[in-house]
Amino acid sequence: MIKKDDLITMRAISICFKPFLKPEEALIYCNLGRTQFAKKCEEHLIFKTQSGYFRKDDLDKMLEG
């Protein structure tokens, strides 16, 4: 059985290597609250793909500046 801490660690590592992130994963990746994340995405014109995911490259650019 996998411990909860190990599962969290594996999930965090997998988020770093995925090209597309679910909205919940994008919040974790950016370390922002839901409202802050929505404001930043709006400022930088970042939208979900048609399948409902965020591109990690776009999020990286948003975090840079």
C-alpha atoms as a PDB file:
ATOM      1  CA  MET A   1       0.000   0.000   0.000  1.00  0.00           C
ATOM      2  CA  ILE A   2       1.307   3.442  -0.910  1.00  0.00           C
ATOM      3  CA  LYS A   3       1.540   5.942   1.932  1.00  0.00           C
ATOM      4  CA  LYS A   4      -0.304   9.240   1.548  1.00  0.00           C
ATOM      5  CA  ASP A   5       2.944  11.259   1.691  1.00  0.00           C
ATOM      6  CA  ASP A   6       4.501   9.107  -1.026  1.00  0.00           C
ATOM      7  CA  LEU A   7       1.416   9.530  -3.195  1.00  0.00           C
ATOM      8  CA  ILE A   8       1.565  13.321  -2.811  1.00  0.00           C
ATOM      9  CA  THR A   9       5.257  13.320  -3.738  1.00  0.00           C
ATOM     10  CA  MET A  10       4.688  11.159  -6.829  1.00  0.00           C
ATOM     11  CA  ARG A  11       1.794  13.359  -7.936  1.00  0.00           C
ATOM     12  CA  ALA A  12       3.888  16.531  -7.516  1.00  0.00           C
ATOM     13  CA  ILE A  13       6.711  15.049  -9.578  1.00  0.00           C
ATOM     14  CA  SER A  14       4.331  13.934 -12.321  1.00  0.00           C
ATOM     15  CA  ILE A  15       2.819  17.443 -12.521  1.00  0.00           C
ATOM     16  CA  CYS A  16       6.268  18.852 -13.310  1.00  0.00           C
ATOM     17  CA  PHE A  17       6.650  16.615 -16.379  1.00  0.00           C
ATOM     18  CA  LYS A  18       3.148  16.785 -17.880  1.00  0.00           C
ATOM     19  CA  PRO A  19       2.667  19.086 -20.908  1.00  0.00           C
ATOM     20  CA  PHE A  20      -1.018  19.712 -20.085  1.00  0.00           C
ATOM     21  CA  LEU A  21      -2.443  20.226 -16.604  1.00  0.00           C
ATOM     22  CA  LYS A  22      -5.949  19.860 -15.230  1.00  0.00           C
ATOM     23  CA  PRO A  23      -7.288  23.027 -13.544  1.00  0.00           C
ATOM     24  CA  GLU A  24      -6.617  21.604 -10.060  1.00  0.00           C
ATOM     25  CA  GLU A  25      -3.074  20.628 -11.055  1.00  0.00           C
ATOM     26  CA  ALA A  26      -2.508  24.082 -12.544  1.00  0.00           C
ATOM     27  CA  LEU A  27      -3.457  25.661  -9.211  1.00  0.00           C
ATOM     28  CA  ILE A  28      -0.950  23.447  -7.424  1.00  0.00           C
ATOM     29  CA  TYR A  29       1.729  24.055 -10.060  1.00  0.00           C
ATOM     30  CA  CYS A  30       1.347  27.853  -9.858  1.00  0.00           C
ATOM     31  CA  ASN A  31       0.925  27.839  -6.074  1.00  0.00           C
ATOM     32  CA  LEU A  32      -1.975  30.294  -6.315  1.00  0.00           C
ATOM     33  CA  GLY A  33      -5.486  30.375  -4.974  1.00  0.00           C
ATOM     34  CA  ARG A  34      -8.396  29.952  -7.360  1.00  0.00           C
ATOM     35  CA  THR A  35      -9.163  33.694  -7.539  1.00  0.00           C
ATOM     36  CA  GLN A  36      -5.525  34.751  -7.968  1.00  0.00           C
ATOM     37  CA  PHE A  37      -5.035  32.125 -10.646  1.00  0.00           C
ATOM     38  CA  ALA A  38      -8.109  33.302 -12.557  1.00  0.00           C
ATOM     39  CA  LYS A  39      -6.927  36.929 -12.442  1.00  0.00           C
ATOM     40  CA  LYS A  40      -3.420  36.047 -13.638  1.00  0.00           C
ATOM     41  CA  CYS A  41      -4.779  33.895 -16.476  1.00  0.00           C
ATOM     42  CA  GLU A  42      -7.048  36.735 -17.552  1.00  0.00           C
ATOM     43  CA  GLU A  43      -4.172  39.255 -17.460  1.00  0.00           C
ATOM     44  CA  HIS A  44      -1.910  37.024 -19.559  1.00  0.00           C
ATOM     45  CA  LEU A  45      -4.690  35.790 -21.864  1.00  0.00           C
ATOM     46  CA  ILE A  46      -4.272  32.144 -20.894  1.00  0.00           C
ATOM     47  CA  PHE A  47      -7.247  29.910 -21.570  1.00  0.00           C
ATOM     48  CA  LYS A  48      -8.065  26.231 -21.270  1.00  0.00           C
ATOM     49  CA  THR A  49      -7.753  24.048 -24.340  1.00  0.00           C
ATOM     50  CA  GLN A  50     -10.904  22.592 -25.846  1.00  0.00           C
ATOM     51  CA  SER A  51     -10.397  19.471 -23.762  1.00  0.00           C
ATOM     52  CA  GLY A  52     -10.323  21.542 -20.537  1.00  0.00           C
ATOM     53  CA  TYR A  53      -6.597  21.527 -19.794  1.00  0.00           C
ATOM     54  CA  PHE A  54      -4.018  24.303 -19.414  1.00  0.00           C
ATOM     55  CA  ARG A  55      -0.790  24.166 -21.416  1.00  0.00           C
ATOM     56  CA  LYS A  56       2.192  24.059 -19.085  1.00  0.00           C
ATOM     57  CA  ASP A  57       4.250  26.256 -21.435  1.00  0.00           C
ATOM     58  CA  ASP A  58       1.660  29.030 -21.115  1.00  0.00           C
ATOM     59  CA  LEU A  59       1.683  28.729 -17.338  1.00  0.00           C
ATOM     60  CA  ASP A  60       5.486  28.919 -17.289  1.00  0.00           C
ATOM     61  CA  LYS A  61       5.371  32.152 -19.295  1.00  0.00           C
ATOM     62  CA  MET A  62       2.755  33.545 -16.922  1.00  0.00           C
ATOM     63  CA  LEU A  63       4.936  32.759 -13.904  1.00  0.00           C
ATOM     64  CA  GLU A  64       7.994  34.370 -15.478  1.00  0.00           C
ATOM     65  CA  GLY A  65       6.412  37.767 -15.755  1.00  0.00           C
END
